[in-house]
Amino acid sequence: MILFQIARASKIHIERVVRDRCDKLGNPHQCPGEPGIVERWEEQGYSGSRGGSENMSAGQKNCKEAVEGWMTSEGHRANLLGDSKELGCGRKDDWWCCGYA
């Protein structure tokens, strides 16, 4: 199921990554001073998670290319094919972020 709250949190996060260049600061999955993935979802009104995962990428011109790239990476592929029941994705320019709960 696609959830607006996770999608909105993913969009806000990827916009921050691009704006603050968090990819150059170490871990782009959590910018300095930013809450973790589940806390970001909760800030947008989501309340159903027992945990979560996230895929991010840059340089793809569309969602299809982002997913194809994730499928070639063991960890990203595991997130896509895992037992998550809910997801939400956001993008900024050629940056992509999907959260899985």
N, C-alpha and C. Protein backbone atom coordinates (compact mmCIF):
# COMPACT_ATOMS: atom_id res chain seq x y z
N MET A 1 0.84 -1.16 0.00
CA MET A 1 0.00 0.00 0.00
C MET A 1 0.90 1.24 0.00
N ILE A 2 0.59 2.18 -0.83
CA ILE A 2 1.34 3.43 -0.88
C ILE A 2 0.73 4.39 0.15
N LEU A 3 1.58 4.95 0.98
CA LEU A 3 1.11 5.85 2.03
C LEU A 3 1.65 7.26 1.84
N PHE A 4 0.74 8.22 1.91
CA PHE A 4 1.11 9.62 1.74
C PHE A 4 2.13 10.04 2.79
N GLN A 5 1.97 9.60 4.04
CA GLN A 5 2.87 10.04 5.10
C GLN A 5 4.32 9.63 4.82
N ILE A 6 4.51 8.40 4.36
CA ILE A 6 5.86 7.94 4.05
C ILE A 6 6.38 8.65 2.81
N ALA A 7 5.51 8.84 1.83
CA ALA A 7 5.92 9.55 0.61
C ALA A 7 6.32 10.99 0.93
N ARG A 8 5.53 11.67 1.75
CA ARG A 8 5.85 13.05 2.12
C ARG A 8 7.17 13.12 2.90
N ALA A 9 7.36 12.21 3.83
CA ALA A 9 8.62 12.18 4.58
C ALA A 9 9.80 11.90 3.66
N SER A 10 9.63 11.01 2.69
CA SER A 10 10.69 10.71 1.73
C SER A 10 11.02 11.92 0.87
N LYS A 11 9.99 12.64 0.46
CA LYS A 11 10.18 13.85 -0.35
C LYS A 11 10.92 14.93 0.45
N ILE A 12 10.49 15.16 1.67
CA ILE A 12 11.14 16.16 2.52
C ILE A 12 12.60 15.78 2.75
N HIS A 13 12.83 14.50 3.02
CA HIS A 13 14.19 14.04 3.28
C HIS A 13 15.09 14.22 2.06
N ILE A 14 14.64 13.79 0.90
CA ILE A 14 15.50 13.87 -0.28
C ILE A 14 15.75 15.32 -0.67
N GLU A 15 14.78 16.19 -0.44
CA GLU A 15 15.01 17.62 -0.67
C GLU A 15 16.10 18.15 0.25
N ARG A 16 16.09 17.67 1.49
CA ARG A 16 17.13 18.10 2.44
C ARG A 16 18.49 17.55 2.05
N VAL A 17 18.54 16.30 1.62
CA VAL A 17 19.80 15.70 1.19
C VAL A 17 20.41 16.53 0.06
N VAL A 18 19.58 16.89 -0.91
CA VAL A 18 20.07 17.67 -2.05
C VAL A 18 20.48 19.07 -1.61
N ARG A 19 19.63 19.72 -0.84
CA ARG A 19 19.91 21.10 -0.40
C ARG A 19 21.16 21.19 0.45
N ASP A 20 21.28 20.28 1.43
CA ASP A 20 22.39 20.34 2.39
C ASP A 20 23.59 19.50 1.98
N ARG A 21 23.48 18.80 0.84
CA ARG A 21 24.55 17.93 0.34
C ARG A 21 24.95 16.88 1.37
N CYS A 22 23.96 16.29 2.00
CA CYS A 22 24.21 15.28 3.03
C CYS A 22 24.94 14.07 2.48
N ASP A 23 24.84 13.83 1.18
CA ASP A 23 25.57 12.72 0.58
C ASP A 23 27.08 12.92 0.72
N LYS A 24 27.52 14.15 0.87
CA LYS A 24 28.95 14.45 1.02
C LYS A 24 29.38 14.46 2.49
N LEU A 25 28.41 14.34 3.41
CA LEU A 25 28.69 14.44 4.84
C LEU A 25 28.75 13.09 5.53
N GLY A 26 28.67 12.02 4.80
CA GLY A 26 28.73 10.70 5.43
C GLY A 26 27.54 9.84 5.07
N ASN A 27 26.52 9.85 5.90
CA ASN A 27 25.36 8.98 5.72
C ASN A 27 24.18 9.77 5.17
N PRO A 28 23.87 9.66 3.88
CA PRO A 28 22.76 10.43 3.33
C PRO A 28 21.39 9.96 3.82
N HIS A 29 21.34 8.81 4.47
CA HIS A 29 20.05 8.33 4.99
C HIS A 29 19.62 9.11 6.23
N GLN A 30 20.55 9.83 6.83
CA GLN A 30 20.21 10.66 7.99
C GLN A 30 21.16 11.86 8.03
N CYS A 31 20.65 12.99 7.60
CA CYS A 31 21.45 14.22 7.60
C CYS A 31 21.75 14.63 9.04
N PRO A 32 22.82 15.37 9.26
CA PRO A 32 23.14 15.84 10.62
C PRO A 32 21.95 16.59 11.25
N GLY A 33 21.61 16.20 12.47
CA GLY A 33 20.51 16.84 13.18
C GLY A 33 19.12 16.38 12.77
N GLU A 34 19.05 15.45 11.84
CA GLU A 34 17.77 14.96 11.35
C GLU A 34 17.37 13.69 12.11
N PRO A 35 16.08 13.52 12.39
CA PRO A 35 15.65 12.27 13.04
C PRO A 35 15.82 11.08 12.11
N GLY A 36 15.73 9.89 12.68
CA GLY A 36 15.82 8.66 11.90
C GLY A 36 14.61 8.46 11.02
N ILE A 37 14.66 7.41 10.22
CA ILE A 37 13.63 7.18 9.22
C ILE A 37 12.22 7.07 9.80
N VAL A 38 12.03 6.26 10.83
CA VAL A 38 10.69 6.08 11.40
C VAL A 38 10.21 7.37 12.04
N GLU A 39 11.10 8.08 12.71
CA GLU A 39 10.71 9.36 13.32
C GLU A 39 10.30 10.37 12.26
N ARG A 40 10.96 10.34 11.09
CA ARG A 40 10.56 11.25 10.00
C ARG A 40 9.15 10.90 9.53
N TRP A 41 8.85 9.61 9.44
CA TRP A 41 7.50 9.20 9.05
C TRP A 41 6.48 9.66 10.08
N GLU A 42 6.81 9.45 11.35
CA GLU A 42 5.88 9.83 12.42
C GLU A 42 5.61 11.33 12.42
N GLU A 43 6.62 12.14 12.10
CA GLU A 43 6.42 13.59 12.00
C GLU A 43 5.39 13.94 10.94
N GLN A 44 5.20 13.06 9.97
CA GLN A 44 4.20 13.30 8.91
C GLN A 44 2.87 12.60 9.20
N GLY A 45 2.73 12.03 10.40
CA GLY A 45 1.46 11.45 10.81
C GLY A 45 1.36 9.94 10.69
N TYR A 46 2.43 9.28 10.32
CA TYR A 46 2.41 7.82 10.20
C TYR A 46 2.57 7.20 11.58
N SER A 47 1.81 6.12 11.84
CA SER A 47 1.88 5.51 13.17
C SER A 47 1.89 3.99 13.15
N GLY A 48 2.18 3.37 12.02
CA GLY A 48 2.05 1.93 11.95
C GLY A 48 3.32 1.13 11.89
N SER A 49 4.48 1.73 12.07
CA SER A 49 5.71 1.01 11.78
C SER A 49 6.30 0.29 12.98
N ARG A 50 6.80 -0.89 12.73
CA ARG A 50 7.62 -1.63 13.68
C ARG A 50 9.09 -1.44 13.33
N GLY A 51 9.36 -0.70 12.30
CA GLY A 51 10.70 -0.45 11.79
C GLY A 51 10.58 -0.12 10.32
N GLY A 52 11.69 0.18 9.72
CA GLY A 52 11.61 0.52 8.31
C GLY A 52 12.96 0.48 7.63
N SER A 53 12.92 0.58 6.34
CA SER A 53 14.13 0.65 5.54
C SER A 53 13.92 1.70 4.46
N GLU A 54 15.01 2.02 3.77
CA GLU A 54 14.95 3.11 2.82
C GLU A 54 15.95 2.86 1.70
N ASN A 55 15.54 3.12 0.48
CA ASN A 55 16.45 3.10 -0.67
C ASN A 55 16.59 4.52 -1.18
N MET A 56 17.81 4.88 -1.53
CA MET A 56 18.08 6.19 -2.11
C MET A 56 19.03 6.01 -3.29
N SER A 57 18.92 6.90 -4.24
CA SER A 57 19.85 6.90 -5.36
C SER A 57 19.83 8.26 -6.03
N ALA A 58 20.82 8.47 -6.88
CA ALA A 58 20.92 9.72 -7.63
C ALA A 58 21.42 9.42 -9.03
N GLY A 59 20.98 10.25 -9.96
CA GLY A 59 21.46 10.15 -11.33
C GLY A 59 20.52 9.46 -12.30
N GLN A 60 19.44 8.91 -11.82
CA GLN A 60 18.50 8.24 -12.71
C GLN A 60 17.47 9.26 -13.21
N LYS A 61 17.07 9.13 -14.48
CA LYS A 61 16.15 10.12 -15.04
C LYS A 61 14.69 9.81 -14.75
N ASN A 62 14.39 8.58 -14.29
CA ASN A 62 13.00 8.25 -13.97
C ASN A 62 12.96 7.14 -12.92
N CYS A 63 11.78 6.89 -12.42
CA CYS A 63 11.60 5.89 -11.37
C CYS A 63 12.01 4.50 -11.84
N LYS A 64 11.71 4.17 -13.06
CA LYS A 64 12.07 2.85 -13.60
C LYS A 64 13.57 2.63 -13.50
N GLU A 65 14.36 3.63 -13.88
CA GLU A 65 15.81 3.50 -13.79
C GLU A 65 16.28 3.36 -12.35
N ALA A 66 15.65 4.09 -11.43
CA ALA A 66 16.03 3.99 -10.02
C ALA A 66 15.78 2.57 -9.51
N VAL A 67 14.61 2.03 -9.78
CA VAL A 67 14.28 0.68 -9.32
C VAL A 67 15.19 -0.36 -9.98
N GLU A 68 15.45 -0.21 -11.27
CA GLU A 68 16.36 -1.15 -11.94
C GLU A 68 17.74 -1.13 -11.28
N GLY A 69 18.21 0.05 -10.91
CA GLY A 69 19.50 0.15 -10.22
C GLY A 69 19.46 -0.52 -8.86
N TRP A 70 18.39 -0.31 -8.11
CA TRP A 70 18.26 -0.93 -6.80
C TRP A 70 18.23 -2.45 -6.91
N MET A 71 17.64 -2.96 -7.99
CA MET A 71 17.55 -4.41 -8.15
C MET A 71 18.92 -5.06 -8.38
N THR A 72 19.91 -4.28 -8.75
CA THR A 72 21.25 -4.84 -8.96
C THR A 72 22.11 -4.78 -7.69
N SER A 73 21.57 -4.21 -6.62
CA SER A 73 22.28 -4.08 -5.35
C SER A 73 21.62 -5.01 -4.32
N GLU A 74 22.40 -5.85 -3.71
CA GLU A 74 21.85 -6.84 -2.78
C GLU A 74 21.00 -6.21 -1.68
N GLY A 75 21.51 -5.17 -1.01
CA GLY A 75 20.78 -4.54 0.08
C GLY A 75 19.52 -3.82 -0.38
N HIS A 76 19.63 -3.08 -1.49
CA HIS A 76 18.47 -2.36 -2.02
C HIS A 76 17.41 -3.35 -2.51
N ARG A 77 17.87 -4.40 -3.15
CA ARG A 77 16.95 -5.43 -3.64
C ARG A 77 16.20 -6.07 -2.47
N ALA A 78 16.92 -6.34 -1.38
CA ALA A 78 16.28 -6.93 -0.20
C ALA A 78 15.18 -6.00 0.34
N ASN A 79 15.43 -4.70 0.33
CA ASN A 79 14.40 -3.75 0.77
C ASN A 79 13.17 -3.82 -0.13
N LEU A 80 13.40 -3.87 -1.44
CA LEU A 80 12.28 -3.92 -2.39
C LEU A 80 11.47 -5.20 -2.26
N LEU A 81 12.14 -6.31 -2.06
CA LEU A 81 11.47 -7.61 -2.07
C LEU A 81 11.17 -8.15 -0.67
N GLY A 82 11.44 -7.34 0.35
CA GLY A 82 11.22 -7.76 1.73
C GLY A 82 9.75 -7.86 2.09
N ASP A 83 9.50 -7.96 3.38
CA ASP A 83 8.13 -8.18 3.86
C ASP A 83 7.38 -6.88 4.15
N SER A 84 7.86 -5.76 3.68
CA SER A 84 7.17 -4.49 3.89
C SER A 84 5.79 -4.51 3.26
N LYS A 85 4.85 -3.88 3.92
CA LYS A 85 3.48 -3.81 3.42
C LYS A 85 3.11 -2.41 2.95
N GLU A 86 3.94 -1.43 3.33
CA GLU A 86 3.63 -0.04 3.01
C GLU A 86 4.88 0.64 2.47
N LEU A 87 4.67 1.58 1.57
CA LEU A 87 5.81 2.31 1.03
C LEU A 87 5.38 3.72 0.63
N GLY A 88 6.39 4.53 0.45
CA GLY A 88 6.18 5.88 -0.05
C GLY A 88 7.48 6.37 -0.63
N CYS A 89 7.40 7.09 -1.74
CA CYS A 89 8.60 7.55 -2.44
C CYS A 89 8.53 9.05 -2.70
N GLY A 90 9.70 9.65 -2.74
CA GLY A 90 9.81 11.05 -3.08
C GLY A 90 11.02 11.26 -3.95
N ARG A 91 11.04 12.39 -4.66
CA ARG A 91 12.18 12.70 -5.50
C ARG A 91 12.44 14.19 -5.54
N LYS A 92 13.66 14.53 -5.87
CA LYS A 92 14.08 15.91 -6.10
C LYS A 92 15.08 15.85 -7.23
N ASP A 93 14.73 16.45 -8.35
CA ASP A 93 15.57 16.40 -9.54
C ASP A 93 15.86 14.94 -9.90
N ASP A 94 17.13 14.52 -9.91
CA ASP A 94 17.43 13.13 -10.26
C ASP A 94 17.78 12.30 -9.03
N TRP A 95 17.31 12.73 -7.87
CA TRP A 95 17.50 12.01 -6.61
C TRP A 95 16.19 11.30 -6.26
N TRP A 96 16.30 10.08 -5.76
CA TRP A 96 15.15 9.23 -5.46
C TRP A 96 15.25 8.68 -4.04
N CYS A 97 14.11 8.59 -3.35
CA CYS A 97 14.09 8.05 -2.00
C CYS A 97 12.77 7.31 -1.80
N CYS A 98 12.84 6.05 -1.39
CA CYS A 98 11.65 5.27 -1.07
C CYS A 98 11.80 4.67 0.31
N GLY A 99 10.75 4.80 1.12
CA GLY A 99 10.72 4.21 2.44
C GLY A 99 9.79 3.01 2.45
N TYR A 100 10.19 1.98 3.18
CA TYR A 100 9.44 0.72 3.25
C TYR A 100 9.15 0.38 4.71
N ALA A 101 7.86 0.19 5.02
CA ALA A 101 7.45 -0.15 6.39
C ALA A 101 6.72 -1.48 6.39
